[in-house]
Amino acid sequence: MIKSSIAGRLALIHQVSAILIIAAFATSAVVLTGQTLLRDETTSLRLAARRFADEFERELGLQRSIPIAARLLIANEPDSHIHFRLYSPGGEFLGSTALPVEPGKPEAIEVADPLTNPSSVPAHWHEQRITSKSGVLIVASVDTEGRKGILRRLTLV
C-alpha cells in the first residue's frame, strides 16, 4: 500500500514538473518573439528614417531651401505604415506625411506637435529619430498595435 502511494505521488510530481517546464518554455518563446519583433521594428524604422534623410539631402541639393525641400519630399512620399515628421535645425515643424488610417476608423489620427509636446504622441507609437547632414530632424514612427496583436494571438489572450 505504501509503495503504490509513493508511486502515485511521484507520478503527480512528474506531471506537475512537466507542465511547469512546458509553461516556462512557452513563456520564454513568447518573450523572445516579442523582443525579436521589437528589434525588427526598430531596425525597419531606423532604415526608413535614414532613407528619408538621404532623400531629403538629395532634394535639398536640388532646391537649396530646407522648407521647400521638405514640402516636396513629403508631397512625393507614397503612403506607408511609417509616419515621418520633419523639424528644422531650430526645432520648427516643417511637415509630416499622412498618418495611416486605422482599419475601421474613418480618418487618420491627429498628432499635435510631438517635439514640443511628447505626450501628444499616442502611447502605442514607436519612434526613431535621425538627424540629416543638414541638421534636419527626421522622426519615423509606426503604430505598434500590429506587433502587440501578434503577441496577443500567440498567448491566446
N, C-alpha and C. Protein backbone atom coordinates (compact mmCIF):
# COMPACT_ATOMS: atom_id res chain seq x y z
N MET A 1 0.82 -1.19 0.00
CA MET A 1 0.00 0.00 0.00
C MET A 1 0.87 1.26 0.00
N ILE A 2 1.94 1.23 0.76
CA ILE A 2 2.81 2.39 0.82
C ILE A 2 3.52 2.58 -0.52
N LYS A 3 3.90 1.50 -1.20
CA LYS A 3 4.58 1.60 -2.48
C LYS A 3 3.68 2.25 -3.53
N SER A 4 2.42 1.90 -3.55
CA SER A 4 1.51 2.50 -4.54
C SER A 4 1.26 3.97 -4.23
N SER A 5 1.23 4.33 -2.96
CA SER A 5 1.04 5.72 -2.57
C SER A 5 2.25 6.57 -2.99
N ILE A 6 3.44 6.04 -2.77
CA ILE A 6 4.66 6.75 -3.16
C ILE A 6 4.73 6.86 -4.69
N ALA A 7 4.39 5.79 -5.38
CA ALA A 7 4.41 5.80 -6.84
C ALA A 7 3.41 6.83 -7.39
N GLY A 8 2.25 6.93 -6.77
CA GLY A 8 1.24 7.91 -7.19
C GLY A 8 1.72 9.33 -6.98
N ARG A 9 2.37 9.56 -5.85
CA ARG A 9 2.90 10.89 -5.57
C ARG A 9 4.03 11.26 -6.54
N LEU A 10 4.90 10.30 -6.83
CA LEU A 10 5.98 10.55 -7.77
C LEU A 10 5.42 10.84 -9.18
N ALA A 11 4.39 10.12 -9.57
CA ALA A 11 3.77 10.36 -10.88
C ALA A 11 3.17 11.76 -10.93
N LEU A 12 2.52 12.17 -9.84
CA LEU A 12 1.94 13.52 -9.78
C LEU A 12 3.04 14.58 -9.84
N ILE A 13 4.14 14.36 -9.14
CA ILE A 13 5.26 15.31 -9.16
C ILE A 13 5.82 15.41 -10.58
N HIS A 14 5.94 14.28 -11.28
CA HIS A 14 6.45 14.30 -12.66
C HIS A 14 5.50 15.06 -13.59
N GLN A 15 4.20 14.85 -13.41
CA GLN A 15 3.23 15.54 -14.26
C GLN A 15 3.26 17.05 -14.02
N VAL A 16 3.30 17.46 -12.75
CA VAL A 16 3.35 18.88 -12.43
C VAL A 16 4.64 19.50 -12.95
N SER A 17 5.75 18.78 -12.79
CA SER A 17 7.04 19.28 -13.30
C SER A 17 6.99 19.45 -14.81
N ALA A 18 6.40 18.50 -15.50
CA ALA A 18 6.31 18.58 -16.96
C ALA A 18 5.47 19.79 -17.37
N ILE A 19 4.37 20.02 -16.69
CA ILE A 19 3.52 21.18 -17.00
C ILE A 19 4.27 22.48 -16.76
N LEU A 20 5.00 22.57 -15.65
CA LEU A 20 5.76 23.80 -15.35
C LEU A 20 6.87 24.03 -16.37
N ILE A 21 7.54 22.97 -16.79
CA ILE A 21 8.61 23.11 -17.78
C ILE A 21 8.04 23.56 -19.11
N ILE A 22 6.93 22.98 -19.53
CA ILE A 22 6.29 23.38 -20.78
C ILE A 22 5.85 24.84 -20.70
N ALA A 23 5.26 25.25 -19.59
CA ALA A 23 4.82 26.64 -19.43
C ALA A 23 6.02 27.60 -19.46
N ALA A 24 7.13 27.21 -18.84
CA ALA A 24 8.32 28.06 -18.84
C ALA A 24 8.87 28.23 -20.26
N PHE A 25 8.93 27.15 -21.02
CA PHE A 25 9.43 27.25 -22.39
C PHE A 25 8.47 28.06 -23.27
N ALA A 26 7.18 27.87 -23.08
CA ALA A 26 6.21 28.64 -23.87
C ALA A 26 6.32 30.13 -23.56
N THR A 27 6.46 30.46 -22.29
CA THR A 27 6.61 31.87 -21.89
C THR A 27 7.88 32.46 -22.48
N SER A 28 8.97 31.73 -22.40
CA SER A 28 10.23 32.25 -22.94
C SER A 28 10.15 32.41 -24.45
N ALA A 29 9.43 31.53 -25.13
CA ALA A 29 9.27 31.65 -26.59
C ALA A 29 8.51 32.93 -26.94
N VAL A 30 7.46 33.24 -26.18
CA VAL A 30 6.68 34.45 -26.45
C VAL A 30 7.52 35.69 -26.15
N VAL A 31 8.29 35.67 -25.07
CA VAL A 31 9.14 36.81 -24.72
C VAL A 31 10.20 37.03 -25.81
N LEU A 32 10.83 35.95 -26.25
CA LEU A 32 11.85 36.07 -27.30
C LEU A 32 11.24 36.56 -28.62
N THR A 33 10.05 36.09 -28.93
CA THR A 33 9.37 36.56 -30.13
C THR A 33 9.07 38.04 -30.03
N GLY A 34 8.60 38.49 -28.88
CA GLY A 34 8.33 39.91 -28.67
C GLY A 34 9.57 40.76 -28.82
N GLN A 35 10.69 40.30 -28.26
CA GLN A 35 11.94 41.05 -28.39
C GLN A 35 12.43 41.08 -29.83
N THR A 36 12.26 39.98 -30.55
CA THR A 36 12.67 39.92 -31.95
C THR A 36 11.81 40.86 -32.80
N LEU A 37 10.51 40.86 -32.56
CA LEU A 37 9.63 41.76 -33.31
C LEU A 37 9.96 43.23 -33.03
N LEU A 38 10.24 43.55 -31.78
CA LEU A 38 10.61 44.93 -31.43
C LEU A 38 11.93 45.33 -32.10
N ARG A 39 12.89 44.43 -32.08
CA ARG A 39 14.18 44.71 -32.71
C ARG A 39 14.01 44.90 -34.22
N ASP A 40 13.18 44.07 -34.84
CA ASP A 40 12.92 44.20 -36.27
C ASP A 40 12.21 45.52 -36.58
N GLU A 41 11.25 45.88 -35.74
CA GLU A 41 10.53 47.15 -35.92
C GLU A 41 11.49 48.34 -35.79
N THR A 42 12.36 48.29 -34.80
CA THR A 42 13.34 49.36 -34.58
C THR A 42 14.29 49.47 -35.77
N THR A 43 14.77 48.34 -36.27
CA THR A 43 15.67 48.35 -37.42
C THR A 43 14.96 48.90 -38.66
N SER A 44 13.72 48.49 -38.87
CA SER A 44 12.95 49.00 -40.02
C SER A 44 12.77 50.51 -39.93
N LEU A 45 12.46 51.00 -38.73
CA LEU A 45 12.27 52.44 -38.56
C LEU A 45 13.57 53.20 -38.79
N ARG A 46 14.68 52.68 -38.27
CA ARG A 46 15.98 53.34 -38.48
C ARG A 46 16.34 53.40 -39.96
N LEU A 47 16.14 52.28 -40.66
CA LEU A 47 16.45 52.25 -42.09
C LEU A 47 15.55 53.19 -42.87
N ALA A 48 14.27 53.23 -42.52
CA ALA A 48 13.34 54.13 -43.21
C ALA A 48 13.70 55.58 -42.94
N ALA A 49 14.05 55.90 -41.69
CA ALA A 49 14.43 57.27 -41.35
C ALA A 49 15.72 57.66 -42.07
N ARG A 50 16.68 56.73 -42.16
CA ARG A 50 17.94 57.00 -42.86
C ARG A 50 17.67 57.23 -44.35
N ARG A 51 16.81 56.40 -44.95
CA ARG A 51 16.45 56.57 -46.37
C ARG A 51 15.79 57.93 -46.58
N PHE A 52 14.88 58.30 -45.67
CA PHE A 52 14.18 59.57 -45.79
C PHE A 52 15.17 60.73 -45.65
N ALA A 53 16.13 60.60 -44.74
CA ALA A 53 17.15 61.65 -44.56
C ALA A 53 18.01 61.78 -45.82
N ASP A 54 18.39 60.66 -46.41
CA ASP A 54 19.19 60.70 -47.64
C ASP A 54 18.40 61.35 -48.78
N GLU A 55 17.12 60.99 -48.90
CA GLU A 55 16.28 61.60 -49.94
C GLU A 55 16.10 63.09 -49.69
N PHE A 56 16.00 63.46 -48.41
CA PHE A 56 15.88 64.89 -48.08
C PHE A 56 17.13 65.64 -48.52
N GLU A 57 18.29 65.08 -48.25
CA GLU A 57 19.55 65.73 -48.62
C GLU A 57 19.66 65.88 -50.14
N ARG A 58 19.23 64.85 -50.89
CA ARG A 58 19.24 64.96 -52.36
C ARG A 58 18.30 66.07 -52.82
N GLU A 59 17.11 66.12 -52.22
CA GLU A 59 16.14 67.15 -52.58
C GLU A 59 16.66 68.54 -52.19
N LEU A 60 17.31 68.63 -51.05
CA LEU A 60 17.87 69.90 -50.60
C LEU A 60 18.96 70.37 -51.57
N GLY A 61 19.74 69.44 -52.10
CA GLY A 61 20.76 69.79 -53.08
C GLY A 61 20.16 70.39 -54.34
N LEU A 62 18.96 69.95 -54.69
CA LEU A 62 18.29 70.48 -55.88
C LEU A 62 17.57 71.80 -55.60
N GLN A 63 16.95 71.91 -54.43
CA GLN A 63 16.08 73.07 -54.12
C GLN A 63 16.81 74.20 -53.40
N ARG A 64 17.85 73.87 -52.65
CA ARG A 64 18.63 74.87 -51.89
C ARG A 64 17.81 75.59 -50.80
N SER A 65 16.69 75.02 -50.42
CA SER A 65 15.86 75.60 -49.36
C SER A 65 15.27 74.46 -48.53
N ILE A 66 15.52 74.50 -47.22
CA ILE A 66 15.03 73.42 -46.36
C ILE A 66 13.51 73.31 -46.39
N PRO A 67 12.75 74.40 -46.21
CA PRO A 67 11.28 74.26 -46.23
C PRO A 67 10.74 73.73 -47.56
N ILE A 68 11.29 74.21 -48.67
CA ILE A 68 10.80 73.75 -49.98
C ILE A 68 11.16 72.28 -50.19
N ALA A 69 12.38 71.90 -49.84
CA ALA A 69 12.79 70.50 -49.98
C ALA A 69 11.92 69.60 -49.12
N ALA A 70 11.59 70.05 -47.91
CA ALA A 70 10.74 69.25 -47.02
C ALA A 70 9.35 69.08 -47.62
N ARG A 71 8.76 70.18 -48.11
CA ARG A 71 7.42 70.10 -48.71
C ARG A 71 7.39 69.17 -49.91
N LEU A 72 8.38 69.28 -50.79
CA LEU A 72 8.41 68.43 -51.98
C LEU A 72 8.62 66.96 -51.62
N LEU A 73 9.50 66.71 -50.67
CA LEU A 73 9.74 65.33 -50.26
C LEU A 73 8.49 64.71 -49.65
N ILE A 74 7.82 65.46 -48.79
CA ILE A 74 6.60 64.96 -48.15
C ILE A 74 5.51 64.73 -49.19
N ALA A 75 5.39 65.65 -50.13
CA ALA A 75 4.35 65.52 -51.16
C ALA A 75 4.58 64.29 -52.04
N ASN A 76 5.83 63.92 -52.25
CA ASN A 76 6.14 62.79 -53.13
C ASN A 76 6.28 61.46 -52.40
N GLU A 77 6.20 61.47 -51.08
CA GLU A 77 6.35 60.23 -50.32
C GLU A 77 5.08 59.39 -50.45
N PRO A 78 5.19 58.13 -50.89
CA PRO A 78 3.99 57.29 -51.02
C PRO A 78 3.42 56.93 -49.65
N ASP A 79 2.13 56.59 -49.64
CA ASP A 79 1.50 56.16 -48.39
C ASP A 79 2.21 54.93 -47.85
N SER A 80 2.35 54.90 -46.55
CA SER A 80 3.08 53.82 -45.91
C SER A 80 2.56 53.65 -44.49
N HIS A 81 2.91 52.54 -43.87
CA HIS A 81 2.56 52.35 -42.47
C HIS A 81 3.50 53.12 -41.56
N ILE A 82 4.57 53.69 -42.15
CA ILE A 82 5.52 54.51 -41.39
C ILE A 82 5.17 55.97 -41.59
N HIS A 83 5.11 56.70 -40.49
CA HIS A 83 4.78 58.12 -40.50
C HIS A 83 6.07 58.91 -40.27
N PHE A 84 6.31 59.92 -41.11
CA PHE A 84 7.52 60.74 -40.99
C PHE A 84 7.14 62.17 -40.60
N ARG A 85 7.95 62.76 -39.71
CA ARG A 85 7.81 64.18 -39.37
C ARG A 85 9.19 64.82 -39.53
N LEU A 86 9.21 66.06 -40.00
CA LEU A 86 10.47 66.77 -40.20
C LEU A 86 10.48 68.04 -39.37
N TYR A 87 11.64 68.33 -38.78
CA TYR A 87 11.84 69.54 -37.98
C TYR A 87 13.13 70.21 -38.44
N SER A 88 13.07 71.53 -38.53
CA SER A 88 14.25 72.29 -38.95
C SER A 88 15.34 72.20 -37.88
N PRO A 89 16.57 72.60 -38.21
CA PRO A 89 17.64 72.59 -37.20
C PRO A 89 17.28 73.42 -35.96
N GLY A 90 16.42 74.41 -36.11
CA GLY A 90 16.00 75.23 -34.97
C GLY A 90 14.81 74.65 -34.21
N GLY A 91 14.29 73.49 -34.65
CA GLY A 91 13.18 72.84 -33.96
C GLY A 91 11.81 73.18 -34.52
N GLU A 92 11.76 73.96 -35.60
CA GLU A 92 10.47 74.34 -36.19
C GLU A 92 9.92 73.16 -36.99
N PHE A 93 8.63 72.89 -36.80
CA PHE A 93 7.96 71.80 -37.51
C PHE A 93 7.87 72.14 -38.99
N LEU A 94 8.39 71.27 -39.84
CA LEU A 94 8.39 71.51 -41.28
C LEU A 94 7.25 70.79 -42.00
N GLY A 95 6.79 69.70 -41.44
CA GLY A 95 5.69 68.96 -42.05
C GLY A 95 5.78 67.48 -41.74
N SER A 96 4.76 66.76 -42.18
CA SER A 96 4.72 65.32 -41.94
C SER A 96 3.95 64.63 -43.03
N THR A 97 4.24 63.35 -43.19
CA THR A 97 3.48 62.55 -44.13
C THR A 97 2.13 62.25 -43.50
N ALA A 98 1.20 61.79 -44.31
CA ALA A 98 -0.13 61.46 -43.80
C ALA A 98 -0.03 60.28 -42.85
N LEU A 99 -0.73 60.38 -41.75
CA LEU A 99 -0.78 59.26 -40.82
C LEU A 99 -1.62 58.16 -41.43
N PRO A 100 -1.21 56.92 -41.24
CA PRO A 100 -2.00 55.83 -41.79
C PRO A 100 -3.37 55.77 -41.12
N VAL A 101 -4.37 55.44 -41.89
CA VAL A 101 -5.73 55.32 -41.36
C VAL A 101 -5.87 53.94 -40.75
N GLU A 102 -6.37 53.91 -39.52
CA GLU A 102 -6.58 52.63 -38.86
C GLU A 102 -7.79 51.94 -39.47
N PRO A 103 -7.72 50.62 -39.66
CA PRO A 103 -8.87 49.91 -40.22
C PRO A 103 -10.10 50.11 -39.33
N GLY A 104 -11.22 50.39 -39.95
CA GLY A 104 -12.46 50.56 -39.21
C GLY A 104 -12.66 51.97 -38.68
N LYS A 105 -11.68 52.85 -38.88
CA LYS A 105 -11.81 54.23 -38.44
C LYS A 105 -11.81 55.12 -39.68
N PRO A 106 -12.70 56.11 -39.73
CA PRO A 106 -12.86 56.89 -40.95
C PRO A 106 -11.72 57.84 -41.27
N GLU A 107 -10.94 58.26 -40.31
CA GLU A 107 -9.90 59.25 -40.60
C GLU A 107 -8.64 58.96 -39.81
N ALA A 108 -7.57 59.58 -40.22
CA ALA A 108 -6.27 59.37 -39.58
C ALA A 108 -6.25 59.99 -38.19
N ILE A 109 -5.33 59.51 -37.38
CA ILE A 109 -5.14 60.03 -36.03
C ILE A 109 -4.48 61.39 -36.13
N GLU A 110 -4.88 62.32 -35.30
CA GLU A 110 -4.24 63.64 -35.29
C GLU A 110 -3.18 63.66 -34.20
N VAL A 111 -2.01 64.11 -34.55
CA VAL A 111 -0.93 64.27 -33.57
C VAL A 111 -0.58 65.74 -33.56
N ALA A 112 -0.57 66.33 -32.39
CA ALA A 112 -0.23 67.76 -32.27
C ALA A 112 1.24 67.94 -32.63
N ASP A 113 2.00 68.68 -31.87
CA ASP A 113 3.42 68.85 -32.14
C ASP A 113 4.20 67.97 -31.17
N PRO A 114 4.57 66.76 -31.59
CA PRO A 114 5.22 65.82 -30.68
C PRO A 114 6.58 66.26 -30.18
N LEU A 115 7.27 67.13 -30.92
CA LEU A 115 8.60 67.55 -30.48
C LEU A 115 8.50 68.42 -29.24
N THR A 116 7.55 69.36 -29.25
CA THR A 116 7.38 70.24 -28.09
C THR A 116 6.44 69.63 -27.05
N ASN A 117 5.60 68.70 -27.47
CA ASN A 117 4.65 68.07 -26.55
C ASN A 117 4.68 66.56 -26.77
N PRO A 118 5.69 65.86 -26.21
CA PRO A 118 5.81 64.42 -26.45
C PRO A 118 4.59 63.62 -25.99
N SER A 119 3.83 64.14 -25.04
CA SER A 119 2.65 63.40 -24.58
C SER A 119 1.56 63.39 -25.63
N SER A 120 1.70 64.20 -26.71
CA SER A 120 0.68 64.19 -27.76
C SER A 120 0.83 62.99 -28.68
N VAL A 121 1.97 62.29 -28.60
CA VAL A 121 2.16 61.08 -29.41
C VAL A 121 1.44 59.95 -28.70
N PRO A 122 0.57 59.23 -29.42
CA PRO A 122 -0.12 58.11 -28.78
C PRO A 122 0.88 57.12 -28.20
N ALA A 123 0.51 56.52 -27.08
CA ALA A 123 1.42 55.61 -26.39
C ALA A 123 1.76 54.39 -27.22
N HIS A 124 0.93 54.06 -28.20
CA HIS A 124 1.17 52.85 -28.98
C HIS A 124 1.96 53.13 -30.26
N TRP A 125 2.71 54.23 -30.30
CA TRP A 125 3.58 54.54 -31.44
C TRP A 125 5.03 54.38 -31.04
N HIS A 126 5.80 53.73 -31.89
CA HIS A 126 7.23 53.51 -31.69
C HIS A 126 7.96 54.48 -32.61
N GLU A 127 8.93 55.22 -32.08
CA GLU A 127 9.61 56.26 -32.85
C GLU A 127 11.12 56.02 -32.91
N GLN A 128 11.70 56.46 -34.00
CA GLN A 128 13.15 56.54 -34.15
C GLN A 128 13.47 57.90 -34.75
N ARG A 129 14.51 58.56 -34.23
CA ARG A 129 14.88 59.90 -34.69
C ARG A 129 16.27 59.87 -35.30
N ILE A 130 16.39 60.57 -36.43
CA ILE A 130 17.69 60.68 -37.12
C ILE A 130 17.85 62.13 -37.56
N THR A 131 19.05 62.64 -37.43
CA THR A 131 19.34 63.99 -37.90
C THR A 131 20.08 63.88 -39.23
N SER A 132 19.60 64.61 -40.23
CA SER A 132 20.23 64.59 -41.55
C SER A 132 21.53 65.38 -41.50
N LYS A 133 22.30 65.33 -42.57
CA LYS A 133 23.57 66.05 -42.64
C LYS A 133 23.37 67.56 -42.52
N SER A 134 22.23 68.05 -42.98
CA SER A 134 21.95 69.49 -42.90
C SER A 134 21.34 69.89 -41.56
N GLY A 135 21.16 68.94 -40.64
CA GLY A 135 20.65 69.26 -39.31
C GLY A 135 19.15 69.11 -39.15
N VAL A 136 18.45 68.66 -40.18
CA VAL A 136 17.01 68.46 -40.09
C VAL A 136 16.74 67.17 -39.33
N LEU A 137 15.84 67.26 -38.35
CA LEU A 137 15.47 66.09 -37.56
C LEU A 137 14.35 65.36 -38.26
N ILE A 138 14.54 64.07 -38.48
CA ILE A 138 13.52 63.23 -39.10
C ILE A 138 13.07 62.22 -38.05
N VAL A 139 11.78 62.21 -37.80
CA VAL A 139 11.19 61.28 -36.84
C VAL A 139 10.34 60.29 -37.63
N ALA A 140 10.71 59.03 -37.56
CA ALA A 140 9.94 57.96 -38.19
C ALA A 140 9.20 57.23 -37.09
N SER A 141 7.90 57.02 -37.28
CA SER A 141 7.13 56.34 -36.25
C SER A 141 6.17 55.35 -36.89
N VAL A 142 5.82 54.34 -36.12
CA VAL A 142 4.92 53.30 -36.59
C VAL A 142 4.02 52.88 -35.43
N ASP A 143 2.81 52.49 -35.78
CA ASP A 143 1.85 52.02 -34.79
C ASP A 143 2.27 50.62 -34.33
N THR A 144 2.34 50.41 -33.03
CA THR A 144 2.80 49.12 -32.50
C THR A 144 1.67 48.13 -32.29
N GLU A 145 0.46 48.51 -32.61
CA GLU A 145 -0.66 47.60 -32.38
C GLU A 145 -0.51 46.30 -33.16
N GLY A 146 0.10 46.35 -34.36
CA GLY A 146 0.31 45.12 -35.13
C GLY A 146 1.20 44.14 -34.41
N ARG A 147 2.32 44.64 -33.88
CA ARG A 147 3.25 43.79 -33.14
C ARG A 147 2.58 43.24 -31.88
N LYS A 148 1.86 44.10 -31.18
CA LYS A 148 1.19 43.66 -29.95
C LYS A 148 0.08 42.66 -30.25
N GLY A 149 -0.58 42.83 -31.40
CA GLY A 149 -1.63 41.89 -31.80
C GLY A 149 -1.06 40.49 -32.05
N ILE A 150 0.12 40.44 -32.66
CA ILE A 150 0.77 39.14 -32.90
C ILE A 150 1.06 38.46 -31.57
N LEU A 151 1.58 39.22 -30.62
CA LEU A 151 1.90 38.63 -29.31
C LEU A 151 0.63 38.19 -28.58
N ARG A 152 -0.44 38.98 -28.71
CA ARG A 152 -1.72 38.57 -28.09
C ARG A 152 -2.21 37.26 -28.69
N ARG A 153 -2.08 37.10 -30.01
CA ARG A 153 -2.54 35.86 -30.64
C ARG A 153 -1.67 34.69 -30.21
N LEU A 154 -0.38 34.93 -30.00
CA LEU A 154 0.50 33.86 -29.55
C LEU A 154 0.17 33.39 -28.14
N THR A 155 -0.23 34.32 -27.30
CA THR A 155 -0.55 33.97 -25.91
C THR A 155 -2.00 33.59 -25.73
N LEU A 156 -2.78 33.72 -26.80
CA LEU A 156 -4.20 33.38 -26.78
C LEU A 156 -4.98 34.21 -25.76
N VAL A 157 -4.54 35.44 -25.54
CA VAL A 157 -5.21 36.32 -24.58
C VAL A 157 -6.18 37.20 -25.33
